[in-house]
Amino acid sequence: MANGCTWDSLDAHLLRVLHVLLTEGSVSRAARRLNLSQPAVSTALKRLRDITGDPLLVRSRGGMTPTERGAELLEPIRIVLEQIERIAEGPTGFDPASTRRSFNVATPDYLNAMLLGEVVTDVHKLAPKAQIAFHSMTQNSDYPRALESGELDLVIGNWPNPPDHLRTAPLFEDRMVVMMRTGHPLASGQLSMSDWLAAEHVVPTPYSVGQRGVVDVFLARERMRRNVVAHVPYFHMAPFMLINSDLIFTAPARFAEHYTTMLPLNIVPAPVELPSMAYYLLWHDRTQHSAECRWFRERIVRAARTTPVASPLRRVA
């Protein structure tokens, strides 16, 4: 092309000048509409002709008329300019009622299912065309990568030390309790630390490599060891293992209360030394400014802070 010009030389200014020239058919009218001088518009037209290798507009009795090439470019240029304006305007407003977004959340299975039900109910009421997919977490789950790649929008976690490069928002704290069968020798009173350590424990395997739960972190810090008899891959397996044994299971109160309403189990307060469990949301910077994801995060936070906590502990009469 002339003067060594290429399509890489095009910018938003030249595209806008060309669009106005093609629609006005006059350098002077285009100059007035663009608030530019006629020489500036003529110079831009010369550059455009050099870049495209086509006159684009030629003289006619009514002023200037587009060449065939110029007419072909009118619609593509209009679309490009609209896209540029959309980028410059930033994100558009989010309308929950019309979104068809599918939100992907990973959560450990010890989170009270009632909370997840509240989230689904609330989101479906406001965004009836949206979907929520809950994903399980295992030791092999690479949730930081999944958040970074967009496979996940959110993770609900409770590890004492979440990754520094992920954003967090607190949800709620839950006290720790001890589950055991009705009639268990330890079910009638407050557990001492020594009694709790000596009891037969069933414990969950970690949900993330290198991330231990609050109980294990506490025990490691205090250089204590509990009497672990069995490991389970899922929290929801443990309550059923307690019914016909002297095993005990230490769990968040919201989780434990759910099972004591269905199974012959009791819960008693955990030793006072055990810390509470803090839940939070995790997400990546890639969704920080997404209107849809921000709205979804707010719905989960709202549900977490309004869902009733566990009722008073059930004890043996």
C-alpha atoms as a PDB file:
ATOM      1  CA  MET A   1       0.000   0.000   0.000  1.00  0.00           C
ATOM      2  CA  ALA A   2       1.089   3.584  -0.545  1.00  0.00           C
ATOM      3  CA  ASN A   3       3.523   5.227   1.865  1.00  0.00           C
ATOM      4  CA  GLY A   4       4.007   1.925   3.679  1.00  0.00           C
ATOM      5  CA  CYS A   5       0.651   2.281   5.461  1.00  0.00           C
ATOM      6  CA  THR A   6      -1.109  -0.866   6.704  1.00  0.00           C
ATOM      7  CA  TRP A   7      -4.384  -1.750   8.388  1.00  0.00           C
ATOM      8  CA  ASP A   8      -2.445  -1.594  11.676  1.00  0.00           C
ATOM      9  CA  SER A   9      -2.403   2.176  11.154  1.00  0.00           C
ATOM     10  CA  LEU A  10      -6.158   2.386  11.709  1.00  0.00           C
ATOM     11  CA  ASP A  11      -7.368   3.785  14.993  1.00  0.00           C
ATOM     12  CA  ALA A  12     -10.722   4.789  16.471  1.00  0.00           C
ATOM     13  CA  HIS A  13     -10.292   8.404  15.281  1.00  0.00           C
ATOM     14  CA  LEU A  14      -9.749   7.423  11.652  1.00  0.00           C
ATOM     15  CA  LEU A  15     -12.641   4.965  11.741  1.00  0.00           C
ATOM     16  CA  ARG A  16     -14.937   7.634  13.139  1.00  0.00           C
ATOM     17  CA  VAL A  17     -13.863  10.135  10.454  1.00  0.00           C
ATOM     18  CA  LEU A  18     -14.443   7.556   7.727  1.00  0.00           C
ATOM     19  CA  HIS A  19     -17.866   6.661   9.071  1.00  0.00           C
ATOM     20  CA  VAL A  20     -18.978  10.295   9.124  1.00  0.00           C
ATOM     21  CA  LEU A  21     -17.532  10.942   5.650  1.00  0.00           C
ATOM     22  CA  LEU A  22     -19.366   7.943   4.216  1.00  0.00           C
ATOM     23  CA  THR A  23     -22.670   8.979   5.780  1.00  0.00           C
ATOM     24  CA  GLU A  24     -22.385  12.750   5.082  1.00  0.00           C
ATOM     25  CA  GLY A  25     -20.797  12.558   1.620  1.00  0.00           C
ATOM     26  CA  SER A  26     -19.078  15.890   2.218  1.00  0.00           C
ATOM     27  CA  VAL A  27     -15.753  16.949   3.783  1.00  0.00           C
ATOM     28  CA  SER A  28     -17.200  20.223   5.038  1.00  0.00           C
ATOM     29  CA  ARG A  29     -20.281  18.639   6.636  1.00  0.00           C
ATOM     30  CA  ALA A  30     -18.140  15.896   8.163  1.00  0.00           C
ATOM     31  CA  ALA A  31     -15.779  18.531   9.583  1.00  0.00           C
ATOM     32  CA  ARG A  32     -18.688  20.383  11.249  1.00  0.00           C
ATOM     33  CA  ARG A  33     -20.143  17.161  12.673  1.00  0.00           C
ATOM     34  CA  LEU A  34     -16.773  16.053  14.023  1.00  0.00           C
ATOM     35  CA  ASN A  35     -15.853  19.544  15.257  1.00  0.00           C
ATOM     36  CA  LEU A  36     -12.675  19.432  13.175  1.00  0.00           C
ATOM     37  CA  SER A  37     -11.196  21.702  10.514  1.00  0.00           C
ATOM     38  CA  GLN A  38     -11.697  20.816   6.851  1.00  0.00           C
ATOM     39  CA  PRO A  39      -7.921  20.358   6.330  1.00  0.00           C
ATOM     40  CA  ALA A  40      -7.830  17.897   9.247  1.00  0.00           C
ATOM     41  CA  VAL A  41     -10.643  15.840   7.715  1.00  0.00           C
ATOM     42  CA  SER A  42      -8.988  15.963   4.281  1.00  0.00           C
ATOM     43  CA  THR A  43      -5.704  14.769   5.796  1.00  0.00           C
ATOM     44  CA  ALA A  44      -7.517  11.911   7.542  1.00  0.00           C
ATOM     45  CA  LEU A  45      -9.210  10.955   4.264  1.00  0.00           C
ATOM     46  CA  LYS A  46      -5.825  10.871   2.504  1.00  0.00           C
ATOM     47  CA  ARG A  47      -4.456   8.561   5.207  1.00  0.00           C
ATOM     48  CA  LEU A  48      -7.497   6.314   4.876  1.00  0.00           C
ATOM     49  CA  ARG A  49      -7.048   6.118   1.113  1.00  0.00           C
ATOM     50  CA  ASP A  50      -3.392   5.188   1.595  1.00  0.00           C
ATOM     51  CA  ILE A  51      -4.284   2.501   4.125  1.00  0.00           C
ATOM     52  CA  THR A  52      -7.100   0.933   2.111  1.00  0.00           C
ATOM     53  CA  GLY A  53      -5.662   1.453  -1.338  1.00  0.00           C
ATOM     54  CA  ASP A  54      -9.065   2.775  -2.453  1.00  0.00           C
ATOM     55  CA  PRO A  55     -10.421   6.316  -3.005  1.00  0.00           C
ATOM     56  CA  LEU A  56     -13.328   5.472  -0.659  1.00  0.00           C
ATOM     57  CA  LEU A  57     -15.238   8.585  -1.788  1.00  0.00           C
ATOM     58  CA  VAL A  58     -15.277  10.241  -5.228  1.00  0.00           C
ATOM     59  CA  ARG A  59     -16.693  13.549  -6.407  1.00  0.00           C
ATOM     60  CA  SER A  60     -20.279  13.660  -7.639  1.00  0.00           C
ATOM     61  CA  ARG A  61     -22.814  16.385  -8.473  1.00  0.00           C
ATOM     62  CA  GLY A  62     -24.145  16.325  -4.910  1.00  0.00           C
ATOM     63  CA  GLY A  63     -20.745  16.368  -3.245  1.00  0.00           C
ATOM     64  CA  MET A  64     -18.995  13.017  -2.724  1.00  0.00           C
ATOM     65  CA  THR A  65     -20.286   9.501  -3.124  1.00  0.00           C
ATOM     66  CA  PRO A  66     -18.808   6.295  -1.679  1.00  0.00           C
ATOM     67  CA  THR A  67     -16.985   3.915  -3.956  1.00  0.00           C
ATOM     68  CA  GLU A  68     -18.039   0.280  -3.913  1.00  0.00           C
ATOM     69  CA  ARG A  69     -15.278  -0.414  -1.400  1.00  0.00           C
ATOM     70  CA  GLY A  70     -16.343   2.546   0.714  1.00  0.00           C
ATOM     71  CA  ALA A  71     -19.977   1.373   0.753  1.00  0.00           C
ATOM     72  CA  GLU A  72     -18.869  -2.132   1.778  1.00  0.00           C
ATOM     73  CA  LEU A  73     -16.987  -0.706   4.772  1.00  0.00           C
ATOM     74  CA  LEU A  74     -19.844   1.388   6.158  1.00  0.00           C
ATOM     75  CA  GLU A  75     -21.606  -1.363   8.146  1.00  0.00           C
ATOM     76  CA  PRO A  76     -18.435  -3.062   9.509  1.00  0.00           C
ATOM     77  CA  ILE A  77     -17.129   0.319  10.683  1.00  0.00           C
ATOM     78  CA  ARG A  78     -20.438   1.082  12.413  1.00  0.00           C
ATOM     79  CA  ILE A  79     -20.237  -2.218  14.306  1.00  0.00           C
ATOM     80  CA  VAL A  80     -16.603  -1.634  15.295  1.00  0.00           C
ATOM     81  CA  LEU A  81     -17.376   1.859  16.595  1.00  0.00           C
ATOM     82  CA  GLU A  82     -20.286   0.520  18.666  1.00  0.00           C
ATOM     83  CA  GLN A  83     -17.992  -2.069  20.218  1.00  0.00           C
ATOM     84  CA  ILE A  84     -15.362   0.561  20.991  1.00  0.00           C
ATOM     85  CA  GLU A  85     -17.997   2.727  22.674  1.00  0.00           C
ATOM     86  CA  ARG A  86     -19.172  -0.262  24.706  1.00  0.00           C
ATOM     87  CA  ILE A  87     -15.613  -0.899  25.897  1.00  0.00           C
ATOM     88  CA  ALA A  88     -15.165   2.776  26.815  1.00  0.00           C
ATOM     89  CA  GLU A  89     -18.445   2.865  28.744  1.00  0.00           C
ATOM     90  CA  GLY A  90     -17.369   0.002  31.011  1.00  0.00           C
ATOM     91  CA  PRO A  91     -19.618  -2.803  32.279  1.00  0.00           C
ATOM     92  CA  THR A  92     -23.333  -2.471  31.713  1.00  0.00           C
ATOM     93  CA  GLY A  93     -25.897  -2.778  34.457  1.00  0.00           C
ATOM     94  CA  PHE A  94     -26.783  -6.287  35.586  1.00  0.00           C
ATOM     95  CA  ASP A  95     -30.419  -7.355  35.415  1.00  0.00           C
ATOM     96  CA  PRO A  96     -30.949 -10.511  37.530  1.00  0.00           C
ATOM     97  CA  ALA A  97     -34.413 -11.093  36.078  1.00  0.00           C
ATOM     98  CA  SER A  98     -33.062 -11.622  32.561  1.00  0.00           C
ATOM     99  CA  THR A  99     -29.678 -13.270  33.164  1.00  0.00           C
ATOM    100  CA  ARG A 100     -29.115 -16.846  32.062  1.00  0.00           C
ATOM    101  CA  ARG A 101     -25.796 -17.073  33.855  1.00  0.00           C
ATOM    102  CA  SER A 102     -24.717 -20.368  35.378  1.00  0.00           C
ATOM    103  CA  PHE A 103     -22.871 -19.779  38.651  1.00  0.00           C
ATOM    104  CA  ASN A 104     -20.331 -22.403  39.737  1.00  0.00           C
ATOM    105  CA  VAL A 105     -19.531 -22.819  43.430  1.00  0.00           C
ATOM    106  CA  ALA A 106     -17.297 -25.335  45.163  1.00  0.00           C
ATOM    107  CA  THR A 107     -18.069 -26.130  48.772  1.00  0.00           C
ATOM    108  CA  PRO A 108     -17.035 -28.737  51.338  1.00  0.00           C
ATOM    109  CA  ASP A 109     -19.769 -31.175  52.296  1.00  0.00           C
ATOM    110  CA  TYR A 110     -19.814 -30.157  55.955  1.00  0.00           C
ATOM    111  CA  LEU A 111     -21.564 -26.908  55.088  1.00  0.00           C
ATOM    112  CA  ASN A 112     -25.168 -27.039  56.249  1.00  0.00           C
ATOM    113  CA  ALA A 113     -27.333 -27.913  53.233  1.00  0.00           C
ATOM    114  CA  MET A 114     -30.027 -25.589  54.592  1.00  0.00           C
ATOM    115  CA  LEU A 115     -27.761 -22.645  53.780  1.00  0.00           C
ATOM    116  CA  LEU A 116     -27.303 -23.845  50.204  1.00  0.00           C
ATOM    117  CA  GLY A 117     -31.068 -24.243  49.927  1.00  0.00           C
ATOM    118  CA  GLU A 118     -31.531 -20.647  51.074  1.00  0.00           C
ATOM    119  CA  VAL A 119     -29.053 -19.488  48.430  1.00  0.00           C
ATOM    120  CA  VAL A 120     -30.865 -21.375  45.655  1.00  0.00           C
ATOM    121  CA  THR A 121     -34.284 -20.104  46.769  1.00  0.00           C
ATOM    122  CA  ASP A 122     -33.131 -16.501  46.975  1.00  0.00           C
ATOM    123  CA  VAL A 123     -31.277 -16.531  43.650  1.00  0.00           C
ATOM    124  CA  HIS A 124     -34.105 -18.317  41.830  1.00  0.00           C
ATOM    125  CA  LYS A 125     -36.638 -15.803  43.119  1.00  0.00           C
ATOM    126  CA  LEU A 126     -34.651 -12.856  41.769  1.00  0.00           C
ATOM    127  CA  ALA A 127     -33.003 -14.537  38.760  1.00  0.00           C
ATOM    128  CA  PRO A 128     -35.407 -17.283  37.609  1.00  0.00           C
ATOM    129  CA  LYS A 129     -33.415 -18.047  34.427  1.00  0.00           C
ATOM    130  CA  ALA A 130     -30.065 -18.434  36.211  1.00  0.00           C
ATOM    131  CA  GLN A 131     -28.611 -21.740  37.395  1.00  0.00           C
ATOM    132  CA  ILE A 132     -26.332 -22.671  40.273  1.00  0.00           C
ATOM    133  CA  ALA A 133     -23.976 -25.643  40.102  1.00  0.00           C
ATOM    134  CA  PHE A 134     -22.452 -26.802  43.383  1.00  0.00           C
ATOM    135  CA  HIS A 135     -19.204 -28.723  43.027  1.00  0.00           C
ATOM    136  CA  SER A 136     -17.679 -31.063  45.601  1.00  0.00           C
ATOM    137  CA  MET A 137     -14.167 -30.607  46.898  1.00  0.00           C
ATOM    138  CA  THR A 138     -11.619 -33.373  47.368  1.00  0.00           C
ATOM    139  CA  GLN A 139      -7.947 -33.580  48.258  1.00  0.00           C
ATOM    140  CA  ASN A 140      -7.150 -33.344  44.558  1.00  0.00           C
ATOM    141  CA  SER A 141      -9.261 -30.248  43.939  1.00  0.00           C
ATOM    142  CA  ASP A 142      -7.104 -27.448  42.563  1.00  0.00           C
ATOM    143  CA  TYR A 143      -9.588 -24.735  43.426  1.00  0.00           C
ATOM    144  CA  PRO A 144      -7.151 -21.775  42.985  1.00  0.00           C
ATOM    145  CA  ARG A 145      -6.571 -22.851  39.372  1.00  0.00           C
ATOM    146  CA  ALA A 146     -10.308 -23.397  38.829  1.00  0.00           C
ATOM    147  CA  LEU A 147     -11.064 -19.888  40.113  1.00  0.00           C
ATOM    148  CA  GLU A 148      -8.342 -18.390  37.936  1.00  0.00           C
ATOM    149  CA  SER A 149      -9.514 -20.206  34.804  1.00  0.00           C
ATOM    150  CA  GLY A 150     -13.200 -19.428  35.340  1.00  0.00           C
ATOM    151  CA  GLU A 151     -14.276 -23.027  35.944  1.00  0.00           C
ATOM    152  CA  LEU A 152     -15.411 -21.807  39.358  1.00  0.00           C
ATOM    153  CA  ASP A 153     -16.853 -18.443  40.320  1.00  0.00           C
ATOM    154  CA  LEU A 154     -16.652 -18.961  44.079  1.00  0.00           C
ATOM    155  CA  VAL A 155     -15.351 -21.291  46.755  1.00  0.00           C
ATOM    156  CA  ILE A 156     -16.809 -21.503  50.247  1.00  0.00           C
ATOM    157  CA  GLY A 157     -14.027 -22.406  52.647  1.00  0.00           C
ATOM    158  CA  ASN A 158     -13.006 -22.434  56.285  1.00  0.00           C
ATOM    159  CA  TRP A 159      -9.273 -23.159  56.250  1.00  0.00           C
ATOM    160  CA  PRO A 160      -7.318 -21.141  58.779  1.00  0.00           C
ATOM    161  CA  ASN A 161      -4.959 -19.795  56.101  1.00  0.00           C
ATOM    162  CA  PRO A 162      -6.638 -19.155  52.720  1.00  0.00           C
ATOM    163  CA  PRO A 163      -4.325 -18.314  49.782  1.00  0.00           C
ATOM    164  CA  ASP A 164      -3.125 -14.721  49.886  1.00  0.00           C
ATOM    165  CA  HIS A 165      -3.674 -14.143  46.164  1.00  0.00           C
ATOM    166  CA  LEU A 166      -7.427 -14.827  46.386  1.00  0.00           C
ATOM    167  CA  ARG A 167     -10.025 -12.357  47.584  1.00  0.00           C
ATOM    168  CA  THR A 168     -12.100 -13.223  50.642  1.00  0.00           C
ATOM    169  CA  ALA A 169     -15.311 -12.139  52.325  1.00  0.00           C
ATOM    170  CA  PRO A 170     -16.411 -13.430  55.753  1.00  0.00           C
ATOM    171  CA  LEU A 171     -19.686 -15.357  55.999  1.00  0.00           C
ATOM    172  CA  PHE A 172     -20.191 -16.529  59.590  1.00  0.00           C
ATOM    173  CA  GLU A 173     -18.542 -18.342  62.483  1.00  0.00           C
ATOM    174  CA  ASP A 174     -19.754 -21.655  63.883  1.00  0.00           C
ATOM    175  CA  ARG A 175     -18.873 -23.184  67.237  1.00  0.00           C
ATOM    176  CA  MET A 176     -17.467 -26.691  67.381  1.00  0.00           C
ATOM    177  CA  VAL A 177     -19.500 -29.471  69.006  1.00  0.00           C
ATOM    178  CA  VAL A 178     -19.025 -33.192  69.518  1.00  0.00           C
ATOM    179  CA  MET A 179     -21.477 -35.705  68.070  1.00  0.00           C
ATOM    180  CA  MET A 180     -22.031 -39.139  69.616  1.00  0.00           C
ATOM    181  CA  ARG A 181     -24.725 -41.772  69.948  1.00  0.00           C
ATOM    182  CA  THR A 182     -27.528 -41.402  72.441  1.00  0.00           C
ATOM    183  CA  GLY A 183     -26.406 -43.130  75.614  1.00  0.00           C
ATOM    184  CA  HIS A 184     -22.702 -42.613  74.959  1.00  0.00           C
ATOM    185  CA  PRO A 185     -20.694 -42.495  78.233  1.00  0.00           C
ATOM    186  CA  LEU A 186     -19.562 -38.933  77.412  1.00  0.00           C
ATOM    187  CA  ALA A 187     -22.974 -37.581  76.431  1.00  0.00           C
ATOM    188  CA  SER A 188     -24.074 -36.347  79.831  1.00  0.00           C
ATOM    189  CA  GLY A 189     -21.817 -33.382  80.470  1.00  0.00           C
ATOM    190  CA  GLN A 190     -19.149 -30.912  79.401  1.00  0.00           C
ATOM    191  CA  LEU A 191     -16.155 -32.628  77.863  1.00  0.00           C
ATOM    192  CA  SER A 192     -12.741 -31.936  79.316  1.00  0.00           C
ATOM    193  CA  MET A 193      -9.821 -31.738  76.936  1.00  0.00           C
ATOM    194  CA  SER A 194      -8.327 -34.929  78.350  1.00  0.00           C
ATOM    195  CA  ASP A 195     -11.595 -36.859  77.923  1.00  0.00           C
ATOM    196  CA  TRP A 196     -11.968 -35.559  74.389  1.00  0.00           C
ATOM    197  CA  LEU A 197      -8.406 -36.477  73.400  1.00  0.00           C
ATOM    198  CA  ALA A 198      -8.746 -40.008  74.816  1.00  0.00           C
ATOM    199  CA  ALA A 199     -12.115 -40.766  73.167  1.00  0.00           C
ATOM    200  CA  GLU A 200     -12.319 -42.731  69.922  1.00  0.00           C
ATOM    201  CA  HIS A 201     -12.476 -40.251  67.066  1.00  0.00           C
ATOM    202  CA  VAL A 202     -13.633 -40.496  63.494  1.00  0.00           C
ATOM    203  CA  VAL A 203     -12.089 -37.627  61.528  1.00  0.00           C
ATOM    204  CA  PRO A 204     -12.420 -36.290  57.960  1.00  0.00           C
ATOM    205  CA  THR A 205      -9.601 -36.259  55.473  1.00  0.00           C
ATOM    206  CA  PRO A 206      -8.451 -32.748  54.466  1.00  0.00           C
ATOM    207  CA  TYR A 207     -10.328 -31.106  51.617  1.00  0.00           C
ATOM    208  CA  SER A 208      -7.248 -29.433  50.217  1.00  0.00           C
ATOM    209  CA  VAL A 209      -3.639 -30.548  50.063  1.00  0.00           C
ATOM    210  CA  GLY A 210      -1.608 -28.547  52.554  1.00  0.00           C
ATOM    211  CA  GLN A 211      -4.684 -27.050  54.224  1.00  0.00           C
ATOM    212  CA  ARG A 212      -5.603 -28.590  57.561  1.00  0.00           C
ATOM    213  CA  GLY A 213      -8.833 -27.855  59.386  1.00  0.00           C
ATOM    214  CA  VAL A 214      -9.108 -25.639  62.447  1.00  0.00           C
ATOM    215  CA  VAL A 215      -9.062 -28.596  64.852  1.00  0.00           C
ATOM    216  CA  ASP A 216      -5.917 -30.130  63.367  1.00  0.00           C
ATOM    217  CA  VAL A 217      -4.181 -26.756  63.268  1.00  0.00           C
ATOM    218  CA  PHE A 218      -5.042 -26.212  66.945  1.00  0.00           C
ATOM    219  CA  LEU A 219      -3.794 -29.653  67.958  1.00  0.00           C
ATOM    220  CA  ALA A 220      -0.534 -29.212  66.045  1.00  0.00           C
ATOM    221  CA  ARG A 221       0.077 -25.829  67.636  1.00  0.00           C
ATOM    222  CA  GLU A 222      -0.606 -27.180  71.127  1.00  0.00           C
ATOM    223  CA  ARG A 223       1.357 -30.382  70.414  1.00  0.00           C
ATOM    224  CA  MET A 224      -1.624 -32.537  71.258  1.00  0.00           C
ATOM    225  CA  ARG A 225      -2.859 -35.721  69.601  1.00  0.00           C
ATOM    226  CA  ARG A 226      -6.330 -37.217  69.676  1.00  0.00           C
ATOM    227  CA  ASN A 227      -7.151 -40.907  69.499  1.00  0.00           C
ATOM    228  CA  VAL A 228      -8.110 -41.297  65.827  1.00  0.00           C
ATOM    229  CA  VAL A 229      -9.739 -44.632  65.035  1.00  0.00           C
ATOM    230  CA  ALA A 230     -11.109 -43.959  61.549  1.00  0.00           C
ATOM    231  CA  HIS A 231     -10.825 -41.480  58.658  1.00  0.00           C
ATOM    232  CA  VAL A 232     -13.714 -40.705  56.310  1.00  0.00           C
ATOM    233  CA  PRO A 233     -13.630 -38.911  52.951  1.00  0.00           C
ATOM    234  CA  TYR A 234     -17.007 -37.213  53.484  1.00  0.00           C
ATOM    235  CA  PHE A 235     -18.443 -35.482  56.526  1.00  0.00           C
ATOM    236  CA  HIS A 236     -21.873 -36.930  55.889  1.00  0.00           C
ATOM    237  CA  MET A 237     -20.592 -40.465  56.415  1.00  0.00           C
ATOM    238  CA  ALA A 238     -19.502 -39.835  59.996  1.00  0.00           C
ATOM    239  CA  PRO A 239     -22.888 -39.427  61.754  1.00  0.00           C
ATOM    240  CA  PHE A 240     -24.028 -42.866  60.594  1.00  0.00           C
ATOM    241  CA  MET A 241     -20.847 -44.425  61.968  1.00  0.00           C
ATOM    242  CA  LEU A 242     -21.652 -43.154  65.456  1.00  0.00           C
ATOM    243  CA  ILE A 243     -25.024 -44.857  65.913  1.00  0.00           C
ATOM    244  CA  ASN A 244     -23.755 -48.304  66.978  1.00  0.00           C
ATOM    245  CA  SER A 245     -20.303 -47.420  68.286  1.00  0.00           C
ATOM    246  CA  ASP A 246     -18.518 -45.319  70.871  1.00  0.00           C
ATOM    247  CA  LEU A 247     -16.930 -43.164  68.190  1.00  0.00           C
ATOM    248  CA  ILE A 248     -17.263 -39.396  68.471  1.00  0.00           C
ATOM    249  CA  PHE A 249     -17.168 -36.816  65.719  1.00  0.00           C
ATOM    250  CA  THR A 250     -16.174 -33.164  66.164  1.00  0.00           C
ATOM    251  CA  ALA A 251     -18.022 -30.922  63.731  1.00  0.00           C
ATOM    252  CA  PRO A 252     -19.539 -27.449  63.225  1.00  0.00           C
ATOM    253  CA  ALA A 253     -22.767 -26.940  65.171  1.00  0.00           C
ATOM    254  CA  ARG A 254     -24.932 -26.237  62.106  1.00  0.00           C
ATOM    255  CA  PHE A 255     -23.867 -29.529  60.544  1.00  0.00           C
ATOM    256  CA  ALA A 256     -24.333 -31.506  63.768  1.00  0.00           C
ATOM    257  CA  GLU A 257     -27.761 -30.085  64.579  1.00  0.00           C
ATOM    258  CA  HIS A 258     -29.088 -31.210  61.219  1.00  0.00           C
ATOM    259  CA  TYR A 259     -28.243 -34.854  61.929  1.00  0.00           C
ATOM    260  CA  THR A 260     -29.479 -34.913  65.514  1.00  0.00           C
ATOM    261  CA  THR A 261     -32.968 -34.194  64.174  1.00  0.00           C
ATOM    262  CA  MET A 262     -32.859 -37.361  62.058  1.00  0.00           C
ATOM    263  CA  LEU A 263     -30.657 -39.866  63.907  1.00  0.00           C
ATOM    264  CA  PRO A 264     -30.413 -41.102  67.533  1.00  0.00           C
ATOM    265  CA  LEU A 265     -27.488 -38.817  68.221  1.00  0.00           C
ATOM    266  CA  ASN A 266     -26.622 -36.202  70.790  1.00  0.00           C
ATOM    267  CA  ILE A 267     -24.262 -33.281  70.639  1.00  0.00           C
ATOM    268  CA  VAL A 268     -22.360 -31.763  73.535  1.00  0.00           C
ATOM    269  CA  PRO A 269     -20.127 -28.691  73.618  1.00  0.00           C
ATOM    270  CA  ALA A 270     -16.577 -29.265  72.471  1.00  0.00           C
ATOM    271  CA  PRO A 271     -13.773 -28.555  74.954  1.00  0.00           C
ATOM    272  CA  VAL A 272     -13.626 -24.833  75.509  1.00  0.00           C
ATOM    273  CA  GLU A 273     -10.082 -24.703  74.179  1.00  0.00           C
ATOM    274  CA  LEU A 274     -11.150 -25.595  70.635  1.00  0.00           C
ATOM    275  CA  PRO A 275     -11.526 -22.549  68.381  1.00  0.00           C
ATOM    276  CA  SER A 276     -14.641 -21.797  66.379  1.00  0.00           C
ATOM    277  CA  MET A 277     -14.797 -22.375  62.640  1.00  0.00           C
ATOM    278  CA  ALA A 278     -14.890 -19.277  60.423  1.00  0.00           C
ATOM    279  CA  TYR A 279     -16.438 -19.585  56.958  1.00  0.00           C
ATOM    280  CA  TYR A 280     -15.663 -17.248  54.086  1.00  0.00           C
ATOM    281  CA  LEU A 281     -16.000 -16.788  50.332  1.00  0.00           C
ATOM    282  CA  LEU A 282     -13.007 -17.054  48.023  1.00  0.00           C
ATOM    283  CA  TRP A 283     -12.808 -15.661  44.496  1.00  0.00           C
ATOM    284  CA  HIS A 284     -10.227 -14.557  41.961  1.00  0.00           C
ATOM    285  CA  ASP A 285      -9.509 -11.034  40.733  1.00  0.00           C
ATOM    286  CA  ARG A 286     -10.869 -12.015  37.310  1.00  0.00           C
ATOM    287  CA  THR A 287     -14.443 -11.783  38.691  1.00  0.00           C
ATOM    288  CA  GLN A 288     -13.873  -8.945  41.155  1.00  0.00           C
ATOM    289  CA  HIS A 289     -15.527  -6.331  38.917  1.00  0.00           C
ATOM    290  CA  SER A 290     -18.108  -8.587  37.270  1.00  0.00           C
ATOM    291  CA  ALA A 291     -21.572  -7.217  38.061  1.00  0.00           C
ATOM    292  CA  GLU A 292     -23.089 -10.706  37.872  1.00  0.00           C
ATOM    293  CA  CYS A 293     -20.532 -12.295  40.183  1.00  0.00           C
ATOM    294  CA  ARG A 294     -20.674  -9.406  42.624  1.00  0.00           C
ATOM    295  CA  TRP A 295     -24.461  -9.770  42.823  1.00  0.00           C
ATOM    296  CA  PHE A 296     -24.129 -13.534  43.375  1.00  0.00           C
ATOM    297  CA  ARG A 297     -21.561 -13.044  46.138  1.00  0.00           C
ATOM    298  CA  GLU A 298     -23.929 -10.634  47.862  1.00  0.00           C
ATOM    299  CA  ARG A 299     -26.753 -13.207  47.737  1.00  0.00           C
ATOM    300  CA  ILE A 300     -24.577 -15.840  49.426  1.00  0.00           C
ATOM    301  CA  VAL A 301     -23.407 -13.416  52.102  1.00  0.00           C
ATOM    302  CA  ARG A 302     -27.011 -12.408  52.765  1.00  0.00           C
ATOM    303  CA  ALA A 303     -28.162 -16.024  53.039  1.00  0.00           C
ATOM    304  CA  ALA A 304     -25.286 -16.939  55.334  1.00  0.00           C
ATOM    305  CA  ARG A 305     -26.028 -14.094  57.701  1.00  0.00           C
ATOM    306  CA  THR A 306     -29.785 -14.650  57.828  1.00  0.00           C
ATOM    307  CA  THR A 307     -29.999 -18.468  57.975  1.00  0.00           C
ATOM    308  CA  PRO A 308     -30.712 -19.430  61.614  1.00  0.00           C
ATOM    309  CA  VAL A 309     -27.829 -20.895  63.566  1.00  0.00           C
ATOM    310  CA  ALA A 310     -28.104 -24.264  65.246  1.00  0.00           C
ATOM    311  CA  SER A 311     -30.640 -24.530  68.046  1.00  0.00           C
ATOM    312  CA  PRO A 312     -29.522 -25.208  71.648  1.00  0.00           C
ATOM    313  CA  LEU A 313     -27.555 -28.413  72.085  1.00  0.00           C
ATOM    314  CA  ARG A 314     -29.514 -31.592  72.621  1.00  0.00           C
ATOM    315  CA  ARG A 315     -28.512 -33.445  75.756  1.00  0.00           C
ATOM    316  CA  VAL A 316     -29.417 -36.717  77.392  1.00  0.00           C
ATOM    317  CA  ALA A 317     -32.169 -36.198  79.936  1.00  0.00           C
END
